[in-house]
PDB file of N, CA and C in Angstrom:
ATOM      1  N   MET A   1      74.904 132.572 101.205  1.00  0.00           N
ATOM      2  CA  MET A   1      75.315 131.666 100.170  1.00  0.00           C
ATOM      3  C   MET A   1      74.674 130.287 100.220  1.00  0.00           C
ATOM      4  N   GLU A   2      74.407 130.074  98.573  1.00  0.00           N
ATOM      5  CA  GLU A   2      73.409 128.843  98.711  1.00  0.00           C
ATOM      6  C   GLU A   2      73.931 128.100  97.941  1.00  0.00           C
ATOM      7  N   VAL A   3      74.499 126.723  98.143  1.00  0.00           N
ATOM      8  CA  VAL A   3      75.144 125.967  96.686  1.00  0.00           C
ATOM      9  C   VAL A   3      74.075 125.031  96.565  1.00  0.00           C
ATOM     10  N   VAL A   4      74.031 125.174  95.179  1.00  0.00           N
ATOM     11  CA  VAL A   4      73.006 124.054  94.446  1.00  0.00           C
ATOM     12  C   VAL A   4      73.742 123.117  94.136  1.00  0.00           C
ATOM     13  N   LEU A   5      73.455 121.509  93.979  1.00  0.00           N
ATOM     14  CA  LEU A   5      74.204 120.520  93.532  1.00  0.00           C
ATOM     15  C   LEU A   5      73.495 119.894  92.428  1.00  0.00           C
ATOM     16  N   SER A   6      74.165 119.134  91.619  1.00  0.00           N
ATOM     17  CA  SER A   6      73.399 118.458  90.435  1.00  0.00           C
ATOM     18  C   SER A   6      72.788 117.211  91.223  1.00  0.00           C
ATOM     19  N   GLU A   7      71.914 116.650  90.663  1.00  0.00           N
ATOM     20  CA  GLU A   7      71.607 115.100  91.277  1.00  0.00           C
ATOM     21  C   GLU A   7      72.885 114.116  91.430  1.00  0.00           C
ATOM     22  N   ALA A   8      74.214 114.389  90.372  1.00  0.00           N
ATOM     23  CA  ALA A   8      74.684 113.419  90.090  1.00  0.00           C
ATOM     24  C   ALA A   8      75.793 113.664  91.214  1.00  0.00           C
ATOM     25  N   GLN A   9      75.974 115.177  91.746  1.00  0.00           N
ATOM     26  CA  GLN A   9      76.970 115.472  92.965  1.00  0.00           C
ATOM     27  C   GLN A   9      76.203 115.108  93.798  1.00  0.00           C
ATOM     28  N   SER A  10      74.807 115.346  94.028  1.00  0.00           N
ATOM     29  CA  SER A  10      74.095 114.866  95.315  1.00  0.00           C
ATOM     30  C   SER A  10      74.755 113.358  95.566  1.00  0.00           C
ATOM     31  N   ILE A  11      74.224 112.774  94.662  1.00  0.00           N
ATOM     32  CA  ILE A  11      74.534 111.093  94.697  1.00  0.00           C
ATOM     33  C   ILE A  11      76.167 110.749  95.226  1.00  0.00           C
ATOM     34  N   LYS A  12      77.061 111.214  94.380  1.00  0.00           N
ATOM     35  CA  LYS A  12      78.493 111.377  94.382  1.00  0.00           C
ATOM     36  C   LYS A  12      78.484 111.316  95.797  1.00  0.00           C
ATOM     37  N   ILE A  13      78.176 112.477  96.723  1.00  0.00           N
ATOM     38  CA  ILE A  13      78.166 112.985  98.105  1.00  0.00           C
ATOM     39  C   ILE A  13      77.761 111.832  99.165  1.00  0.00           C
ATOM     40  N   LYS A  14      76.532 111.199  98.978  1.00  0.00           N
ATOM     41  CA  LYS A  14      75.716 110.682  99.584  1.00  0.00           C
ATOM     42  C   LYS A  14      76.921 108.997  99.635  1.00  0.00           C
ATOM     43  N   GLU A  15      77.183 108.330  98.426  1.00  0.00           N
ATOM     44  CA  GLU A  15      78.392 107.537  98.388  1.00  0.00           C
ATOM     45  C   GLU A  15      79.546 107.863  98.668  1.00  0.00           C
ATOM     46  N   GLN A  16      80.085 108.946  98.941  1.00  0.00           N
ATOM     47  CA  GLN A  16      81.123 109.129  99.545  1.00  0.00           C
ATOM     48  C   GLN A  16      81.120 108.879 101.341  1.00  0.00           C
ATOM     49  N   ILE A  17      79.745 109.293 101.684  1.00  0.00           N
ATOM     50  CA  ILE A  17      79.533 109.246 103.316  1.00  0.00           C
ATOM     51  C   ILE A  17      79.019 108.120 103.438  1.00  0.00           C
ATOM     52  N   SER A  18      78.414 107.221 102.777  1.00  0.00           N
ATOM     53  CA  SER A  18      78.293 105.712 103.101  1.00  0.00           C
ATOM     54  C   SER A  18      79.538 104.869 103.183  1.00  0.00           C
ATOM     55  N   ILE A  19      80.654 105.096 102.204  1.00  0.00           N
ATOM     56  CA  ILE A  19      81.637 104.668 102.205  1.00  0.00           C
ATOM     57  C   ILE A  19      82.363 105.245 103.876  1.00  0.00           C
ATOM     58  N   LEU A  20      82.702 106.161 103.827  1.00  0.00           N
ATOM     59  CA  LEU A  20      82.864 106.523 105.580  1.00  0.00           C
ATOM     60  C   LEU A  20      82.263 105.921 106.287  1.00  0.00           C
ATOM     61  N   ILE A  21      81.038 106.145 106.616  1.00  0.00           N
ATOM     62  CA  ILE A  21      80.114 105.251 107.692  1.00  0.00           C
ATOM     63  C   ILE A  21      80.689 103.746 107.790  1.00  0.00           C
ATOM     64  N   ASP A  22      80.744 103.222 106.753  1.00  0.00           N
ATOM     65  CA  ASP A  22      80.884 101.848 106.594  1.00  0.00           C
ATOM     66  C   ASP A  22      82.173 101.578 107.066  1.00  0.00           C
ATOM     67  N   GLU A  23      83.395 102.633 107.221  1.00  0.00           N
ATOM     68  CA  GLU A  23      84.885 102.364 107.457  1.00  0.00           C
ATOM     69  C   GLU A  23      84.730 102.670 109.138  1.00  0.00           C
ATOM     70  N   VAL A  24      83.912 102.976 109.368  1.00  0.00           N
ATOM     71  CA  VAL A  24      83.827 103.507 110.886  1.00  0.00           C
ATOM     72  C   VAL A  24      83.118 102.501 111.931  1.00  0.00           C
ATOM     73  N   ILE A  25      81.715 102.342 110.727  1.00  0.00           N
ATOM     74  CA  ILE A  25      81.368 101.019 111.861  1.00  0.00           C
ATOM     75  C   ILE A  25      82.669  99.669 111.688  1.00  0.00           C
ATOM     76  N   THR A  26      83.037  99.590 110.299  1.00  0.00           N
ATOM     77  CA  THR A  26      83.914  98.221 110.356  1.00  0.00           C
ATOM     78  C   THR A  26      85.081  98.478 111.483  1.00  0.00           C
ATOM     79  N   GLU A  27      85.376  99.069 111.762  1.00  0.00           N
ATOM     80  CA  GLU A  27      86.566  99.732 113.033  1.00  0.00           C
ATOM     81  C   GLU A  27      86.090  99.578 114.057  1.00  0.00           C
ATOM     82  N   HIS A  28      85.080  99.945 114.633  1.00  0.00           N
ATOM     83  CA  HIS A  28      84.552  99.705 115.852  1.00  0.00           C
ATOM     84  C   HIS A  28      83.888  98.205 116.076  1.00  0.00           C
ATOM     85  N   ILE A  29      83.157  97.120 115.125  1.00  0.00           N
ATOM     86  CA  ILE A  29      83.030  96.017 115.179  1.00  0.00           C
ATOM     87  C   ILE A  29      84.831  95.324 115.324  1.00  0.00           C
ATOM     88  N   GLU A  30      85.969  95.969 114.823  1.00  0.00           N
ATOM     89  CA  GLU A  30      87.080  95.129 115.244  1.00  0.00           C
ATOM     90  C   GLU A  30      87.286  94.879 116.715  1.00  0.00           C
ATOM     91  N   LYS A  31      87.051  96.625 117.185  1.00  0.00           N
ATOM     92  CA  LYS A  31      87.468  96.527 118.744  1.00  0.00           C
ATOM     93  C   LYS A  31      86.433  95.891 119.389  1.00  0.00           C
ATOM     94  N   ILE A  32      84.979  95.558 119.289  1.00  0.00           N
ATOM     95  CA  ILE A  32      84.145  94.508 120.365  1.00  0.00           C
ATOM     96  C   ILE A  32      84.455  93.235 120.114  1.00  0.00           C
ATOM     97  N   LYS A  33      85.110  92.782 118.854  1.00  0.00           N
ATOM     98  CA  LYS A  33      85.021  91.576 118.682  1.00  0.00           C
ATOM     99  C   LYS A  33      85.581  90.586 119.618  1.00  0.00           C
ATOM    100  N   PRO A  34      85.278  89.254 120.083  1.00  0.00           N
ATOM    101  CA  PRO A  34      85.791  88.821 121.331  1.00  0.00           C
ATOM    102  C   PRO A  34      87.517  88.641 121.098  1.00  0.00           C
ATOM    103  N   TYR A  35      87.936  88.888 122.144  1.00  0.00           N
ATOM    104  CA  TYR A  35      89.530  88.712 122.046  1.00  0.00           C
ATOM    105  C   TYR A  35      90.098  87.106 121.876  1.00  0.00           C
ATOM    106  N   LYS A  36      91.183  87.095 121.055  1.00  0.00           N
ATOM    107  CA  LYS A  36      91.452  85.938 121.110  1.00  0.00           C
ATOM    108  C   LYS A  36      92.366  85.245 122.248  1.00  0.00           C
ATOM    109  N   ARG A  37      92.138  84.677 122.661  1.00  0.00           N
ATOM    110  CA  ARG A  37      92.444  84.153 124.042  1.00  0.00           C
ATOM    111  C   ARG A  37      93.741  82.996 124.186  1.00  0.00           C
ATOM    112  N   TYR A  38      93.870  82.006 123.089  1.00  0.00           N
ATOM    113  CA  TYR A  38      94.887  81.116 122.792  1.00  0.00           C
ATOM    114  C   TYR A  38      95.874  81.679 121.635  1.00  0.00           C
ATOM    115  N   PHE A  39      97.232  81.925 121.556  1.00  0.00           N
ATOM    116  CA  PHE A  39      98.118  82.108 120.140  1.00  0.00           C
ATOM    117  C   PHE A  39      99.372  81.034 120.586  1.00  0.00           C
ATOM    118  N   THR A  40      99.704  80.919 119.638  1.00  0.00           N
ATOM    119  CA  THR A  40     101.112  80.258 118.907  1.00  0.00           C
ATOM    120  C   THR A  40     102.097  80.626 120.149  1.00  0.00           C
ATOM    121  N   ARG A  41     103.288  80.423 119.577  1.00  0.00           N
ATOM    122  CA  ARG A  41     104.740  81.137 120.331  1.00  0.00           C
ATOM    123  C   ARG A  41     104.904  82.766 119.517  1.00  0.00           C
ATOM    124  N   ILE A  42     105.016  82.251 118.459  1.00  0.00           N
ATOM    125  CA  ILE A  42     104.874  83.581 117.247  1.00  0.00           C
ATOM    126  C   ILE A  42     104.087  84.580 117.635  1.00  0.00           C
ATOM    127  N   GLU A  43     102.741  84.528 117.783  1.00  0.00           N
ATOM    128  CA  GLU A  43     101.633  85.251 117.612  1.00  0.00           C
ATOM    129  C   GLU A  43     101.792  85.819 119.194  1.00  0.00           C
ATOM    130  N   LEU A  44     102.054  84.923 120.177  1.00  0.00           N
ATOM    131  CA  LEU A  44     102.377  85.613 121.702  1.00  0.00           C
ATOM    132  C   LEU A  44     103.036  86.887 121.376  1.00  0.00           C
ATOM    133  N   GLN A  45     104.227  86.132 120.885  1.00  0.00           N
ATOM    134  CA  GLN A  45     105.402  87.521 120.952  1.00  0.00           C
ATOM    135  C   GLN A  45     105.260  88.560 120.185  1.00  0.00           C
ATOM    136  N   LYS A  46     104.386  88.687 119.283  1.00  0.00           N
ATOM    137  CA  LYS A  46     103.805  89.856 118.443  1.00  0.00           C
ATOM    138  C   LYS A  46     103.054  90.517 119.316  1.00  0.00           C
ATOM    139  N   PHE A  47     102.310  89.432 119.656  1.00  0.00           N
ATOM    140  CA  PHE A  47     100.737  90.693 120.499  1.00  0.00           C
ATOM    141  C   PHE A  47     101.653  91.153 121.494  1.00  0.00           C
ATOM    142  N   ILE A  48     102.399  90.694 122.635  1.00  0.00           N
ATOM    143  CA  ILE A  48     102.813  91.411 123.450  1.00  0.00           C
ATOM    144  C   ILE A  48     104.229  92.019 123.072  1.00  0.00           C
ATOM    145  N   GLY A  49     104.414  91.981 122.412  1.00  0.00           N
ATOM    146  CA  GLY A  49     106.000  92.589 121.870  1.00  0.00           C
ATOM    147  C   GLY A  49     107.601  91.987 122.371  1.00  0.00           C
ATOM    148  N   ILE A  50     107.284  91.045 122.426  1.00  0.00           N
ATOM    149  CA  ILE A  50     108.759  90.229 122.918  1.00  0.00           C
ATOM    150  C   ILE A  50     109.306  89.442 122.292  1.00  0.00           C
ATOM    151  N   GLY A  51     110.863  89.361 122.648  1.00  0.00           N
ATOM    152  CA  GLY A  51     111.261  88.325 121.624  1.00  0.00           C
ATOM    153  C   GLY A  51     111.518  86.829 122.563  1.00  0.00           C
ATOM    154  N   ALA A  52     112.419  86.021 121.446  1.00  0.00           N
ATOM    155  CA  ALA A  52     112.034  84.792 121.909  1.00  0.00           C
ATOM    156  C   ALA A  52     112.823  84.501 123.731  1.00  0.00           C
ATOM    157  N   SER A  53     113.970  85.670 123.943  1.00  0.00           N
ATOM    158  CA  SER A  53     114.407  85.444 125.577  1.00  0.00           C
ATOM    159  C   SER A  53     113.403  85.454 126.343  1.00  0.00           C
ATOM    160  N   SER A  54     112.655  86.753 125.854  1.00  0.00           N
ATOM    161  CA  SER A  54     111.220  87.244 127.114  1.00  0.00           C
ATOM    162  C   SER A  54     110.477  85.946 127.246  1.00  0.00           C
ATOM    163  N   MET A  55     110.400  85.704 126.057  1.00  0.00           N
ATOM    164  CA  MET A  55     109.079  84.160 125.907  1.00  0.00           C
ATOM    165  C   MET A  55     110.053  83.005 126.891  1.00  0.00           C
ATOM    166  N   GLU A  56     111.419  83.170 126.712  1.00  0.00           N
ATOM    167  CA  GLU A  56     112.077  81.538 128.083  1.00  0.00           C
ATOM    168  C   GLU A  56     111.992  82.492 129.251  1.00  0.00           C
ATOM    169  N   ILE A  57     111.808  83.653 129.764  1.00  0.00           N
ATOM    170  CA  ILE A  57     111.439  84.233 130.879  1.00  0.00           C
ATOM    171  C   ILE A  57     110.323  83.935 131.519  1.00  0.00           C
ATOM    172  N   LEU A  58     109.315  83.833 130.594  1.00  0.00           N
ATOM    173  CA  LEU A  58     107.703  83.768 130.940  1.00  0.00           C
ATOM    174  C   LEU A  58     107.621  82.296 131.210  1.00  0.00           C
ATOM    175  N   LYS A  59     108.397  81.095 130.244  1.00  0.00           N
ATOM    176  CA  LYS A  59     108.494  80.034 130.594  1.00  0.00           C
ATOM    177  C   LYS A  59     108.933  79.818 132.249  1.00  0.00           C
ATOM    178  N   GLN A  60     110.253  80.293 132.274  1.00  0.00           N
ATOM    179  CA  GLN A  60     110.837  80.211 133.392  1.00  0.00           C
ATOM    180  C   GLN A  60     110.015  80.234 134.723  1.00  0.00           C
ATOM    181  N   HIS A  61     108.951  81.501 134.805  1.00  0.00           N
ATOM    182  CA  HIS A  61     107.966  81.617 135.684  1.00  0.00           C
ATOM    183  C   HIS A  61     106.533  81.007 135.562  1.00  0.00           C
ATOM    184  N   GLY A  62     106.832  79.825 135.291  1.00  0.00           N
ATOM    185  CA  GLY A  62     105.612  79.165 134.931  1.00  0.00           C
ATOM    186  C   GLY A  62     104.549  78.987 133.911  1.00  0.00           C
ATOM    187  N   LEU A  63     104.748  79.618 132.998  1.00  0.00           N
ATOM    188  CA  LEU A  63     103.811  79.878 131.605  1.00  0.00           C
ATOM    189  C   LEU A  63     103.705  78.507 131.039  1.00  0.00           C
ATOM    190  N   LYS A  64     102.620  77.574 131.164  1.00  0.00           N
ATOM    191  CA  LYS A  64     102.421  76.523 130.430  1.00  0.00           C
ATOM    192  C   LYS A  64     101.883  76.435 129.261  1.00  0.00           C
ATOM    193  N   TYR A  65     101.568  75.515 128.529  1.00  0.00           N
ATOM    194  CA  TYR A  65     100.964  75.559 126.993  1.00  0.00           C
ATOM    195  C   TYR A  65     100.036  74.382 126.756  1.00  0.00           C
ATOM    196  N   ALA A  66      99.419  74.212 126.090  1.00  0.00           N
ATOM    197  CA  ALA A  66      98.366  73.568 125.721  1.00  0.00           C
ATOM    198  C   ALA A  66      99.312  72.580 124.423  1.00  0.00           C
ATOM    199  N   MET A  67      99.257  71.445 123.864  1.00  0.00           N
ATOM    200  CA  MET A  67      99.962  70.677 122.619  1.00  0.00           C
ATOM    201  C   MET A  67      98.360  70.401 121.638  1.00  0.00           C
ATOM    202  N   LEU A  68      98.078  70.907 120.611  1.00  0.00           N
ATOM    203  CA  LEU A  68      97.153  70.911 119.777  1.00  0.00           C
ATOM    204  C   LEU A  68      97.637  70.431 118.196  1.00  0.00           C
ATOM    205  N   GLY A  69      97.848  68.922 118.249  1.00  0.00           N
ATOM    206  CA  GLY A  69      98.769  68.304 117.127  1.00  0.00           C
ATOM    207  C   GLY A  69     100.025  68.834 117.680  1.00  0.00           C
ATOM    208  N   ASN A  70     100.555  69.146 116.763  1.00  0.00           N
ATOM    209  CA  ASN A  70     102.069  70.038 117.096  1.00  0.00           C
ATOM    210  C   ASN A  70     102.206  71.287 117.113  1.00  0.00           C
ATOM    211  N   ARG A  71     100.999  71.988 117.870  1.00  0.00           N
ATOM    212  CA  ARG A  71     101.231  73.214 117.812  1.00  0.00           C
ATOM    213  C   ARG A  71     101.488  73.459 119.439  1.00  0.00           C
ATOM    214  N   HIS A  72     101.813  74.534 120.078  1.00  0.00           N
ATOM    215  CA  HIS A  72     101.823  74.845 121.396  1.00  0.00           C
ATOM    216  C   HIS A  72     101.052  76.118 121.596  1.00  0.00           C
ATOM    217  N   LEU A  73     100.126  75.828 122.152  1.00  0.00           N
ATOM    218  CA  LEU A  73      98.716  77.300 122.217  1.00  0.00           C
ATOM    219  C   LEU A  73      99.327  77.442 123.907  1.00  0.00           C
ATOM    220  N   PHE A  74      99.657  79.242 123.536  1.00  0.00           N
ATOM    221  CA  PHE A  74      99.365  79.872 125.052  1.00  0.00           C
ATOM    222  C   PHE A  74      98.270  80.251 125.450  1.00  0.00           C
ATOM    223  N   ASP A  75      97.779  80.437 126.738  1.00  0.00           N
ATOM    224  CA  ASP A  75      96.664  80.987 127.061  1.00  0.00           C
ATOM    225  C   ASP A  75      96.848  82.514 127.235  1.00  0.00           C
ATOM    226  N   ILE A  76      96.345  83.903 126.957  1.00  0.00           N
ATOM    227  CA  ILE A  76      96.777  84.964 127.279  1.00  0.00           C
ATOM    228  C   ILE A  76      96.251  85.251 129.088  1.00  0.00           C
ATOM    229  N   GLU A  77      95.475  84.741 129.182  1.00  0.00           N
ATOM    230  CA  GLU A  77      94.896  84.860 130.680  1.00  0.00           C
ATOM    231  C   GLU A  77      96.405  84.337 131.758  1.00  0.00           C
ATOM    232  N   ASP A  78      96.826  83.427 131.387  1.00  0.00           N
ATOM    233  CA  ASP A  78      97.996  83.082 131.822  1.00  0.00           C
ATOM    234  C   ASP A  78      99.281  84.104 132.096  1.00  0.00           C
ATOM    235  N   VAL A  79      99.320  84.640 130.633  1.00  0.00           N
ATOM    236  CA  VAL A  79     100.592  85.482 130.337  1.00  0.00           C
ATOM    237  C   VAL A  79     100.239  86.720 131.481  1.00  0.00           C
ATOM    238  N   TYR A  80      98.948  87.002 131.363  1.00  0.00           N
ATOM    239  CA  TYR A  80      98.361  88.458 132.123  1.00  0.00           C
ATOM    240  C   TYR A  80      98.660  87.920 133.488  1.00  0.00           C
ATOM    241  N   LYS A  81      98.344  86.930 134.061  1.00  0.00           N
ATOM    242  CA  LYS A  81      98.837  86.875 135.582  1.00  0.00           C
ATOM    243  C   LYS A  81     100.546  86.400 135.717  1.00  0.00           C
ATOM    244  N   ILE A  82     101.126  86.204 135.078  1.00  0.00           N
ATOM    245  CA  ILE A  82     102.549  85.918 135.468  1.00  0.00           C
ATOM    246  C   ILE A  82     103.209  87.242 134.986  1.00  0.00           C
ATOM    247  N   LEU A  83     102.481  88.402 134.306  1.00  0.00           N
ATOM    248  CA  LEU A  83     103.213  89.589 134.165  1.00  0.00           C
ATOM    249  C   LEU A  83     102.868  90.617 135.333  1.00  0.00           C
ATOM    250  N   GLU A  84     101.579  90.074 135.966  1.00  0.00           N
ATOM    251  CA  GLU A  84     100.913  90.800 137.134  1.00  0.00           C
ATOM    252  C   GLU A  84     101.927  90.431 138.369  1.00  0.00           C
ATOM    253  N   ASP A  85     102.240  89.073 138.294  1.00  0.00           N
ATOM    254  CA  ASP A  85     103.065  88.433 139.550  1.00  0.00           C
ATOM    255  C   ASP A  85     104.409  89.270 139.323  1.00  0.00           C
ATOM    256  N   LEU A  86     104.953  89.406 138.404  1.00  0.00           N
ATOM    257  CA  LEU A  86     106.342  90.022 138.586  1.00  0.00           C
ATOM    258  C   LEU A  86     105.942  91.531 138.509  1.00  0.00           C
ATOM    259  N   LYS A  87     105.368  92.268 138.383  1.00  0.00           N
ATOM    260  CA  LYS A  87     105.181  93.579 138.499  1.00  0.00           C
ATOM    261  C   LYS A  87     105.120  94.046 139.603  1.00  0.00           C
ATOM    262  N   LYS A  88     104.661  93.082 140.742  1.00  0.00           N
ATOM    263  CA  LYS A  88     104.455  93.091 141.884  1.00  0.00           C
ATOM    264  C   LYS A  88     105.786  92.962 142.985  1.00  0.00           C
ATOM    265  N   ARG A  89     106.933  92.261 142.148  1.00  0.00           N
ATOM    266  CA  ARG A  89     108.138  92.153 142.733  1.00  0.00           C
ATOM    267  C   ARG A  89     108.424  93.347 143.188  1.00  0.00           C
TER     268      ARG A  89
END
């Protein structure tokens, strides 16, 4: 069975394929972007899925922050190190 498409149908299919390809490329670009290293408290809590009390536990275990204006910025590498240390207990 052979399917014959009109010129308009062919163009429409090409446009839809192009849109799908663009979506896939955009998704992959998001995955390979350099990761974010410094987070505000709220961003950090959302990123690792913790609440305020868990944030306080991280601070008690030595989590430091940098002040930039009136913002506290936490280094995700420090968070990973503390979590790794807690995991070994």
